[in-house]
């Protein structure tokens, strides 16, 4: 499957279950994606919001996002020039549902934890570059293609709270 120009896609890791539990296959080469680095993020409290992060230019990253413990409301926003600029795609990812979101390059990514003690993981296809790392505010005027952020009081870093709104973002 060529996913370089696609919108985010939801994958469900196939699992082979028996009385002991299951063996899952969270990644195979059915998507055009080469893992360069694997990152994990742990959040102590529910309603911790992280994002919307991305890297510009040659440092852009495609991501394969999954939740290893707990659950998250995962969001990807298209920042590529074109008719889907500003469109937001969302899905609940959890340990129980084994869903993952593949996010192509050119998207901002963020997530909201829905439970305490949530551990999520994202595989990326390019190295981290601090100079290319940017963010847009989570509450910008996105065009939602799915559910919007759940209503709650969020725990959010000062850096993410002070990110530029998409409406004022000059990277179009």
N, C-alpha and C. Protein backbone atom coordinates (compact mmCIF):
# COMPACT_ATOMS: atom_id res chain seq x y z
N UNK A 1 0.85 -1.17 0.00
CA UNK A 1 0.00 0.00 0.00
C UNK A 1 0.90 1.24 0.00
N UNK A 2 0.69 2.17 -0.92
CA UNK A 2 1.47 3.40 -0.95
C UNK A 2 0.71 4.45 -0.16
N UNK A 3 1.25 4.84 0.97
CA UNK A 3 0.55 5.77 1.87
C UNK A 3 1.22 7.14 1.91
N UNK A 4 2.17 7.40 1.04
CA UNK A 4 2.90 8.67 1.08
C UNK A 4 1.98 9.87 0.92
N UNK A 5 0.95 9.83 0.09
CA UNK A 5 0.08 10.97 -0.14
C UNK A 5 -1.31 10.78 0.50
N UNK A 6 -1.48 9.72 1.23
CA UNK A 6 -2.80 9.39 1.79
C UNK A 6 -3.10 10.20 3.05
N UNK A 7 -4.36 10.20 3.42
CA UNK A 7 -4.74 10.73 4.73
C UNK A 7 -4.39 9.66 5.76
N UNK A 8 -4.46 9.99 7.05
CA UNK A 8 -4.18 8.97 8.07
C UNK A 8 -5.11 7.77 7.91
N UNK A 9 -4.59 6.60 8.23
CA UNK A 9 -5.40 5.39 8.16
C UNK A 9 -5.36 4.68 9.50
N UNK A 10 -6.46 4.01 9.81
CA UNK A 10 -6.56 3.24 11.05
C UNK A 10 -6.29 1.78 10.71
N UNK A 11 -5.38 1.20 11.46
CA UNK A 11 -5.03 -0.21 11.31
C UNK A 11 -5.38 -0.91 12.61
N UNK A 12 -5.79 -2.15 12.52
CA UNK A 12 -5.99 -2.97 13.71
C UNK A 12 -4.98 -4.11 13.65
N UNK A 13 -4.14 -4.18 14.67
CA UNK A 13 -3.10 -5.22 14.70
C UNK A 13 -3.76 -6.58 14.79
N UNK A 14 -3.50 -7.46 13.83
CA UNK A 14 -4.07 -8.81 13.92
C UNK A 14 -3.50 -9.53 15.14
N UNK A 15 -4.33 -10.34 15.75
CA UNK A 15 -3.90 -11.07 16.94
C UNK A 15 -4.31 -12.53 16.83
N UNK A 16 -3.47 -13.35 17.41
CA UNK A 16 -3.72 -14.79 17.47
C UNK A 16 -3.93 -15.12 18.94
N UNK A 17 -5.19 -15.43 19.27
CA UNK A 17 -5.57 -15.59 20.67
C UNK A 17 -5.76 -17.06 21.04
N UNK A 18 -5.46 -17.35 22.30
CA UNK A 18 -5.81 -18.63 22.90
C UNK A 18 -6.04 -18.40 24.39
N UNK A 19 -6.13 -19.46 25.15
CA UNK A 19 -6.47 -19.35 26.57
C UNK A 19 -5.43 -18.57 27.37
N UNK A 20 -4.21 -18.40 26.86
CA UNK A 20 -3.15 -17.68 27.58
C UNK A 20 -3.17 -16.19 27.35
N UNK A 21 -3.82 -15.77 26.26
CA UNK A 21 -3.81 -14.36 25.87
C UNK A 21 -3.72 -14.25 24.36
N UNK A 22 -2.85 -13.38 23.87
CA UNK A 22 -2.71 -13.27 22.42
C UNK A 22 -1.30 -12.86 22.02
N UNK A 23 -1.00 -13.11 20.77
CA UNK A 23 0.21 -12.64 20.11
C UNK A 23 -0.26 -11.72 18.99
N UNK A 24 0.19 -10.46 19.01
CA UNK A 24 -0.23 -9.49 18.00
C UNK A 24 0.92 -9.16 17.06
N UNK A 25 0.55 -8.70 15.88
CA UNK A 25 1.53 -8.26 14.88
C UNK A 25 1.26 -6.77 14.63
N UNK A 26 1.87 -5.88 15.43
CA UNK A 26 1.57 -4.46 15.29
C UNK A 26 2.19 -3.79 14.07
N UNK A 27 3.16 -4.44 13.43
CA UNK A 27 3.77 -3.84 12.24
C UNK A 27 4.24 -4.92 11.29
N UNK A 28 3.92 -4.72 10.02
CA UNK A 28 4.51 -5.51 8.95
C UNK A 28 4.73 -4.56 7.78
N UNK A 29 5.18 -5.04 6.67
CA UNK A 29 5.51 -4.15 5.57
C UNK A 29 4.35 -3.91 4.61
N UNK A 30 3.12 -4.05 5.10
CA UNK A 30 1.96 -3.78 4.25
C UNK A 30 1.77 -2.28 4.02
N UNK A 31 2.41 -1.44 4.83
CA UNK A 31 2.41 -0.01 4.57
C UNK A 31 3.83 0.39 4.19
N UNK A 32 3.95 1.40 3.36
CA UNK A 32 5.24 1.88 2.88
C UNK A 32 5.85 2.77 3.96
N UNK A 33 6.47 2.15 4.95
CA UNK A 33 6.93 2.86 6.14
C UNK A 33 8.14 2.12 6.70
N UNK A 34 9.23 2.82 6.88
CA UNK A 34 10.43 2.23 7.46
C UNK A 34 10.66 2.86 8.83
N UNK A 35 10.71 2.04 9.86
CA UNK A 35 10.89 2.54 11.22
C UNK A 35 12.34 2.98 11.42
N UNK A 36 12.51 4.25 11.79
CA UNK A 36 13.82 4.82 12.07
C UNK A 36 14.05 4.92 13.58
N UNK A 37 12.97 5.19 14.31
CA UNK A 37 13.05 5.39 15.76
C UNK A 37 11.71 5.03 16.37
N UNK A 38 11.74 4.52 17.61
CA UNK A 38 10.52 4.21 18.35
C UNK A 38 10.52 5.06 19.61
N UNK A 39 9.43 5.81 19.82
CA UNK A 39 9.29 6.68 20.98
C UNK A 39 8.13 6.20 21.84
N UNK A 40 8.25 6.41 23.14
CA UNK A 40 7.15 6.11 24.05
C UNK A 40 6.88 7.33 24.91
N UNK A 41 5.61 7.53 25.23
CA UNK A 41 5.19 8.62 26.10
C UNK A 41 4.28 8.08 27.18
N UNK A 42 4.60 8.41 28.42
CA UNK A 42 3.80 7.98 29.56
C UNK A 42 3.14 9.20 30.19
N UNK A 43 1.86 9.09 30.50
CA UNK A 43 1.14 10.16 31.18
C UNK A 43 0.49 9.59 32.43
N UNK A 44 0.71 10.25 33.55
CA UNK A 44 0.18 9.79 34.84
C UNK A 44 -1.33 9.95 34.94
N UNK A 45 -1.84 11.04 34.38
CA UNK A 45 -3.24 11.39 34.60
C UNK A 45 -4.06 11.40 33.31
N UNK A 46 -5.33 11.06 33.46
CA UNK A 46 -6.28 11.19 32.34
C UNK A 46 -6.41 12.67 31.98
N UNK A 47 -6.73 12.92 30.74
CA UNK A 47 -6.94 14.25 30.17
C UNK A 47 -5.65 15.08 30.09
N UNK A 48 -4.53 14.35 29.95
CA UNK A 48 -3.27 15.00 29.62
C UNK A 48 -3.23 15.15 28.10
N UNK A 49 -3.05 16.38 27.64
CA UNK A 49 -3.04 16.65 26.20
C UNK A 49 -1.62 17.00 25.77
N UNK A 50 -1.16 16.34 24.73
CA UNK A 50 0.17 16.61 24.15
C UNK A 50 -0.01 16.86 22.66
N UNK A 51 0.51 17.98 22.18
CA UNK A 51 0.43 18.28 20.75
C UNK A 51 -0.10 19.68 20.52
N UNK A 52 -0.14 20.00 19.28
CA UNK A 52 -0.04 19.24 18.04
C UNK A 52 1.36 19.45 17.46
N UNK A 53 2.17 18.42 17.43
CA UNK A 53 3.59 18.52 17.07
C UNK A 53 3.86 18.02 15.65
N UNK A 54 4.88 18.58 15.03
CA UNK A 54 5.33 18.14 13.71
C UNK A 54 6.73 18.66 13.46
N UNK A 55 7.35 18.14 12.42
CA UNK A 55 8.65 18.63 11.96
C UNK A 55 8.51 19.08 10.52
N UNK A 56 9.16 20.19 10.20
CA UNK A 56 9.04 20.78 8.87
C UNK A 56 10.08 20.26 7.89
N UNK A 57 9.76 20.43 6.60
CA UNK A 57 10.71 20.21 5.52
C UNK A 57 11.26 18.80 5.44
N UNK A 58 12.56 18.70 5.18
CA UNK A 58 13.21 17.40 5.01
C UNK A 58 13.21 16.58 6.29
N UNK A 59 12.86 17.20 7.41
CA UNK A 59 12.83 16.51 8.70
C UNK A 59 11.43 16.00 9.06
N UNK A 60 10.47 16.19 8.16
CA UNK A 60 9.10 15.72 8.42
C UNK A 60 9.13 14.22 8.73
N UNK A 61 8.16 13.79 9.53
CA UNK A 61 8.10 12.39 9.96
C UNK A 61 6.72 11.80 9.68
N UNK A 62 6.72 10.59 9.14
CA UNK A 62 5.51 9.77 9.15
C UNK A 62 5.53 9.03 10.49
N UNK A 63 4.35 8.69 11.01
CA UNK A 63 4.27 8.05 12.33
C UNK A 63 3.29 6.89 12.30
N UNK A 64 3.59 5.89 13.09
CA UNK A 64 2.67 4.80 13.36
C UNK A 64 2.44 4.82 14.86
N UNK A 65 1.23 5.23 15.26
CA UNK A 65 0.91 5.51 16.66
C UNK A 65 0.05 4.40 17.24
N UNK A 66 0.40 3.95 18.45
CA UNK A 66 -0.41 2.94 19.14
C UNK A 66 -0.40 3.22 20.63
N UNK A 67 -1.35 2.63 21.32
CA UNK A 67 -1.46 2.79 22.77
C UNK A 67 -1.19 1.44 23.42
N UNK A 68 -0.19 1.39 24.29
CA UNK A 68 0.24 0.14 24.91
C UNK A 68 -0.44 -0.14 26.24
N UNK A 69 -0.92 0.91 26.90
CA UNK A 69 -1.63 0.76 28.18
C UNK A 69 -2.57 1.94 28.33
N UNK A 70 -3.83 1.67 28.66
CA UNK A 70 -4.80 2.75 28.77
C UNK A 70 -5.43 3.05 27.42
N UNK A 71 -5.79 4.33 27.20
CA UNK A 71 -6.40 4.72 25.94
C UNK A 71 -6.13 6.20 25.67
N UNK A 72 -6.13 6.54 24.38
CA UNK A 72 -5.90 7.92 23.97
C UNK A 72 -6.89 8.30 22.88
N UNK A 73 -7.19 9.59 22.82
CA UNK A 73 -7.90 10.19 21.70
C UNK A 73 -6.81 10.78 20.83
N UNK A 74 -6.56 10.18 19.69
CA UNK A 74 -5.43 10.53 18.83
C UNK A 74 -5.90 11.39 17.66
N UNK A 75 -5.12 12.44 17.35
CA UNK A 75 -5.52 13.40 16.31
C UNK A 75 -4.35 13.68 15.38
N UNK A 76 -4.63 13.74 14.09
CA UNK A 76 -3.65 14.15 13.07
C UNK A 76 -4.29 15.26 12.24
N UNK A 77 -3.54 16.35 12.01
CA UNK A 77 -4.04 17.49 11.25
C UNK A 77 -3.17 17.69 10.01
N UNK A 78 -3.81 17.76 8.86
CA UNK A 78 -3.11 17.90 7.59
C UNK A 78 -2.57 19.33 7.44
N UNK A 79 -1.25 19.45 7.30
CA UNK A 79 -0.61 20.75 7.10
C UNK A 79 -0.06 20.90 5.68
N UNK A 80 -0.35 19.92 4.83
CA UNK A 80 0.15 19.97 3.46
C UNK A 80 -0.71 20.94 2.64
N UNK A 81 -0.10 21.69 1.73
CA UNK A 81 -0.90 22.58 0.88
C UNK A 81 -1.92 21.76 0.09
N UNK A 82 -3.12 22.31 -0.05
CA UNK A 82 -4.15 21.61 -0.81
C UNK A 82 -5.50 21.71 -0.15
N UNK A 83 -6.47 21.02 -0.72
CA UNK A 83 -7.85 21.15 -0.26
C UNK A 83 -8.11 20.51 1.11
N UNK A 84 -7.21 19.65 1.59
CA UNK A 84 -7.41 19.04 2.91
C UNK A 84 -6.57 19.73 3.99
N UNK A 85 -5.96 20.88 3.67
CA UNK A 85 -5.19 21.63 4.67
C UNK A 85 -6.11 21.97 5.85
N UNK A 86 -5.65 21.68 7.06
CA UNK A 86 -6.43 21.98 8.25
C UNK A 86 -7.45 20.93 8.63
N UNK A 87 -7.57 19.86 7.85
CA UNK A 87 -8.50 18.79 8.18
C UNK A 87 -7.91 17.94 9.30
N UNK A 88 -8.73 17.63 10.29
CA UNK A 88 -8.31 16.85 11.45
C UNK A 88 -8.97 15.48 11.43
N UNK A 89 -8.17 14.46 11.66
CA UNK A 89 -8.62 13.06 11.67
C UNK A 89 -8.39 12.51 13.07
N UNK A 90 -9.37 11.82 13.61
CA UNK A 90 -9.26 11.36 15.00
C UNK A 90 -9.70 9.91 15.14
N UNK A 91 -9.19 9.29 16.20
CA UNK A 91 -9.58 7.91 16.55
C UNK A 91 -9.17 7.64 17.98
N UNK A 92 -9.94 6.80 18.64
CA UNK A 92 -9.55 6.31 19.97
C UNK A 92 -8.67 5.08 19.76
N UNK A 93 -7.48 5.14 20.34
CA UNK A 93 -6.54 4.01 20.30
C UNK A 93 -6.39 3.50 21.72
N UNK A 94 -6.42 2.18 21.88
CA UNK A 94 -6.29 1.62 23.23
C UNK A 94 -5.59 0.27 23.18
N UNK A 95 -5.16 -0.16 24.35
CA UNK A 95 -4.60 -1.50 24.47
C UNK A 95 -5.65 -2.53 24.06
N UNK A 96 -6.90 -2.31 24.48
CA UNK A 96 -7.96 -3.29 24.22
C UNK A 96 -8.33 -3.38 22.74
N UNK A 97 -8.43 -2.24 22.05
CA UNK A 97 -8.89 -2.32 20.65
C UNK A 97 -7.75 -2.56 19.64
N UNK A 98 -6.51 -2.48 20.10
CA UNK A 98 -5.32 -2.74 19.26
C UNK A 98 -5.29 -1.89 17.99
N UNK A 99 -6.03 -0.78 17.98
CA UNK A 99 -6.01 0.10 16.81
C UNK A 99 -4.75 0.96 16.82
N UNK A 100 -4.29 1.27 15.63
CA UNK A 100 -3.15 2.15 15.42
C UNK A 100 -3.53 3.17 14.37
N UNK A 101 -2.86 4.31 14.38
CA UNK A 101 -3.06 5.30 13.33
C UNK A 101 -1.74 5.51 12.61
N UNK A 102 -1.77 5.30 11.29
CA UNK A 102 -0.62 5.66 10.46
C UNK A 102 -0.84 7.09 10.00
N UNK A 103 0.15 7.96 10.25
CA UNK A 103 0.07 9.37 9.90
C UNK A 103 1.17 9.69 8.90
N UNK A 104 0.82 10.08 7.67
CA UNK A 104 1.85 10.41 6.68
C UNK A 104 2.63 11.67 7.06
N UNK A 105 3.74 11.89 6.39
CA UNK A 105 4.49 13.14 6.56
C UNK A 105 3.61 14.32 6.18
N UNK A 106 3.84 15.45 6.85
CA UNK A 106 3.08 16.66 6.53
C UNK A 106 1.88 16.88 7.44
N UNK A 107 1.77 16.09 8.50
CA UNK A 107 0.67 16.21 9.46
C UNK A 107 1.22 16.59 10.83
N UNK A 108 0.43 17.38 11.57
CA UNK A 108 0.71 17.60 12.99
C UNK A 108 0.02 16.47 13.76
N UNK A 109 0.60 16.09 14.89
CA UNK A 109 0.06 14.98 15.67
C UNK A 109 -0.08 15.39 17.14
N UNK A 110 -1.17 14.96 17.75
CA UNK A 110 -1.38 15.17 19.17
C UNK A 110 -2.31 14.12 19.72
N UNK A 111 -2.35 14.03 21.05
CA UNK A 111 -3.24 13.06 21.67
C UNK A 111 -3.65 13.51 23.06
N UNK A 112 -4.78 12.99 23.50
CA UNK A 112 -5.33 13.24 24.82
C UNK A 112 -5.49 11.90 25.51
N UNK A 113 -4.92 11.76 26.70
CA UNK A 113 -5.09 10.51 27.43
C UNK A 113 -6.52 10.45 27.98
N UNK A 114 -7.11 9.28 27.94
CA UNK A 114 -8.48 9.10 28.42
C UNK A 114 -8.51 8.35 29.75
N UNK A 115 -7.35 7.86 30.19
CA UNK A 115 -7.25 7.11 31.44
C UNK A 115 -5.96 7.51 32.16
N UNK A 116 -5.94 7.29 33.46
CA UNK A 116 -4.69 7.42 34.21
C UNK A 116 -3.71 6.35 33.73
N UNK A 117 -2.43 6.60 33.95
CA UNK A 117 -1.36 5.62 33.65
C UNK A 117 -1.44 5.11 32.21
N UNK A 118 -1.39 6.04 31.28
CA UNK A 118 -1.46 5.68 29.86
C UNK A 118 -0.07 5.71 29.24
N UNK A 119 0.25 4.64 28.52
CA UNK A 119 1.52 4.52 27.81
C UNK A 119 1.23 4.38 26.33
N UNK A 120 1.77 5.30 25.56
CA UNK A 120 1.58 5.20 24.11
C UNK A 120 2.93 5.14 23.43
N UNK A 121 2.89 4.69 22.18
CA UNK A 121 4.12 4.50 21.42
C UNK A 121 3.91 5.00 20.00
N UNK A 122 4.95 5.64 19.45
CA UNK A 122 4.89 6.03 18.06
C UNK A 122 6.23 5.75 17.40
N UNK A 123 6.14 5.07 16.27
CA UNK A 123 7.31 4.77 15.44
C UNK A 123 7.39 5.86 14.38
N UNK A 124 8.59 6.34 14.10
CA UNK A 124 8.77 7.41 13.11
C UNK A 124 9.77 6.97 12.05
N UNK A 125 9.68 7.59 10.88
CA UNK A 125 10.55 7.22 9.77
C UNK A 125 11.69 8.21 9.52
N UNK A 126 11.89 9.16 10.44
CA UNK A 126 12.94 10.15 10.29
C UNK A 126 13.42 10.57 11.68
N UNK A 127 14.67 11.01 11.76
CA UNK A 127 15.24 11.41 13.04
C UNK A 127 14.60 12.69 13.57
N UNK A 128 14.68 12.87 14.89
CA UNK A 128 14.23 14.11 15.51
C UNK A 128 15.22 15.22 15.19
N UNK A 129 14.69 16.40 14.88
CA UNK A 129 15.51 17.59 14.64
C UNK A 129 14.86 18.74 15.37
N UNK A 130 15.48 19.19 16.46
CA UNK A 130 14.92 20.25 17.28
C UNK A 130 14.63 21.53 16.52
N UNK A 131 15.50 21.88 15.57
CA UNK A 131 15.31 23.11 14.80
C UNK A 131 14.08 23.04 13.90
N UNK A 132 13.69 21.85 13.49
CA UNK A 132 12.54 21.67 12.60
C UNK A 132 11.26 21.37 13.37
N UNK A 133 11.36 21.17 14.68
CA UNK A 133 10.19 20.81 15.50
C UNK A 133 9.31 22.04 15.73
N UNK A 134 8.04 21.91 15.42
CA UNK A 134 7.06 23.00 15.54
C UNK A 134 5.79 22.45 16.18
N UNK A 135 4.87 23.37 16.46
CA UNK A 135 3.58 22.97 17.01
C UNK A 135 2.50 23.97 16.60
N UNK A 136 1.28 23.48 16.48
CA UNK A 136 0.10 24.34 16.34
C UNK A 136 -0.83 24.00 17.50
N UNK A 137 -1.62 24.99 17.90
CA UNK A 137 -2.52 24.80 19.04
C UNK A 137 -3.58 23.75 18.76
N UNK A 138 -3.84 22.97 19.78
CA UNK A 138 -4.82 21.88 19.70
C UNK A 138 -6.24 22.37 19.45
N UNK A 139 -6.54 23.60 19.86
CA UNK A 139 -7.91 24.11 19.74
C UNK A 139 -8.05 25.10 18.58
N UNK A 140 -7.20 24.96 17.57
CA UNK A 140 -7.33 25.78 16.37
C UNK A 140 -8.61 25.43 15.61
N UNK A 141 -8.91 26.21 14.61
CA UNK A 141 -10.12 25.98 13.81
C UNK A 141 -9.88 24.91 12.75
N UNK A 142 -9.84 23.66 13.19
CA UNK A 142 -9.65 22.53 12.27
C UNK A 142 -10.97 22.18 11.60
N UNK A 143 -10.89 21.52 10.46
CA UNK A 143 -12.06 20.94 9.80
C UNK A 143 -12.07 19.47 10.22
N UNK A 144 -12.95 19.12 11.15
CA UNK A 144 -12.94 17.78 11.73
C UNK A 144 -13.58 16.77 10.79
N UNK A 145 -12.87 15.68 10.53
CA UNK A 145 -13.36 14.57 9.72
C UNK A 145 -13.87 13.43 10.61
N UNK A 146 -13.86 13.64 11.89
CA UNK A 146 -14.32 12.66 12.87
C UNK A 146 -14.71 13.40 14.13
N UNK A 147 -14.66 12.71 15.24
CA UNK A 147 -15.00 13.33 16.51
C UNK A 147 -13.99 14.42 16.87
N UNK A 148 -14.47 15.44 17.61
CA UNK A 148 -13.60 16.50 18.10
C UNK A 148 -13.10 16.14 19.50
N UNK A 149 -12.16 16.95 20.01
CA UNK A 149 -11.61 16.69 21.35
C UNK A 149 -12.73 16.50 22.37
N UNK A 150 -12.64 15.49 23.22
CA UNK A 150 -13.62 15.31 24.30
C UNK A 150 -13.58 16.52 25.24
N UNK A 151 -14.74 16.91 25.72
CA UNK A 151 -14.82 18.04 26.63
C UNK A 151 -14.30 17.67 28.01
N UNK A 152 -13.36 18.45 28.50
CA UNK A 152 -12.79 18.24 29.83
C UNK A 152 -11.82 19.37 30.10
N UNK A 153 -11.33 19.44 31.31
CA UNK A 153 -10.24 20.37 31.63
C UNK A 153 -8.94 19.61 31.43
N UNK A 154 -8.11 20.10 30.53
CA UNK A 154 -6.91 19.38 30.12
C UNK A 154 -5.69 19.77 30.95
N UNK A 155 -4.80 18.80 31.11
CA UNK A 155 -3.47 19.04 31.65
C UNK A 155 -2.59 19.23 30.42
N UNK A 156 -1.98 20.41 30.28
CA UNK A 156 -1.26 20.73 29.06
C UNK A 156 -0.02 21.56 29.40
N UNK A 157 1.06 21.31 28.69
CA UNK A 157 2.30 22.04 28.95
C UNK A 157 2.16 23.50 28.50
N UNK A 158 2.97 24.35 29.09
CA UNK A 158 2.99 25.76 28.70
C UNK A 158 3.39 25.90 27.23
N UNK A 159 4.33 25.09 26.78
CA UNK A 159 4.78 25.13 25.39
C UNK A 159 3.63 24.83 24.43
N UNK A 160 2.85 23.78 24.71
CA UNK A 160 1.72 23.44 23.85
C UNK A 160 0.61 24.48 23.96
N UNK A 161 0.40 25.01 25.16
CA UNK A 161 -0.63 26.03 25.35
C UNK A 161 -0.30 27.30 24.56
N UNK A 162 0.99 27.59 24.41
CA UNK A 162 1.42 28.81 23.71
C UNK A 162 1.73 28.60 22.23
N UNK A 163 1.44 27.43 21.70
CA UNK A 163 1.70 27.17 20.27
C UNK A 163 0.84 28.10 19.42
N UNK A 164 1.30 28.35 18.21
CA UNK A 164 0.57 29.22 17.28
C UNK A 164 -0.72 28.52 16.83
N UNK A 165 -1.76 29.30 16.66
CA UNK A 165 -3.01 28.75 16.14
C UNK A 165 -2.85 28.48 14.65
N UNK A 166 -3.52 27.47 14.15
CA UNK A 166 -3.43 27.11 12.74
C UNK A 166 -3.79 28.30 11.85
N UNK A 167 -4.77 29.10 12.27
CA UNK A 167 -5.20 30.25 11.49
C UNK A 167 -4.07 31.27 11.30
N UNK A 168 -3.09 31.27 12.22
CA UNK A 168 -1.97 32.22 12.16
C UNK A 168 -0.67 31.56 11.71
N UNK A 169 -0.75 30.28 11.36
CA UNK A 169 0.45 29.53 10.98
C UNK A 169 0.88 29.93 9.58
N UNK A 170 2.14 30.26 9.42
CA UNK A 170 2.65 30.74 8.12
C UNK A 170 3.25 29.64 7.28
N UNK A 171 3.19 28.39 7.71
CA UNK A 171 3.83 27.30 7.00
C UNK A 171 3.03 26.72 5.85
N UNK A 172 1.91 27.34 5.51
CA UNK A 172 1.04 26.82 4.43
C UNK A 172 1.76 26.73 3.13
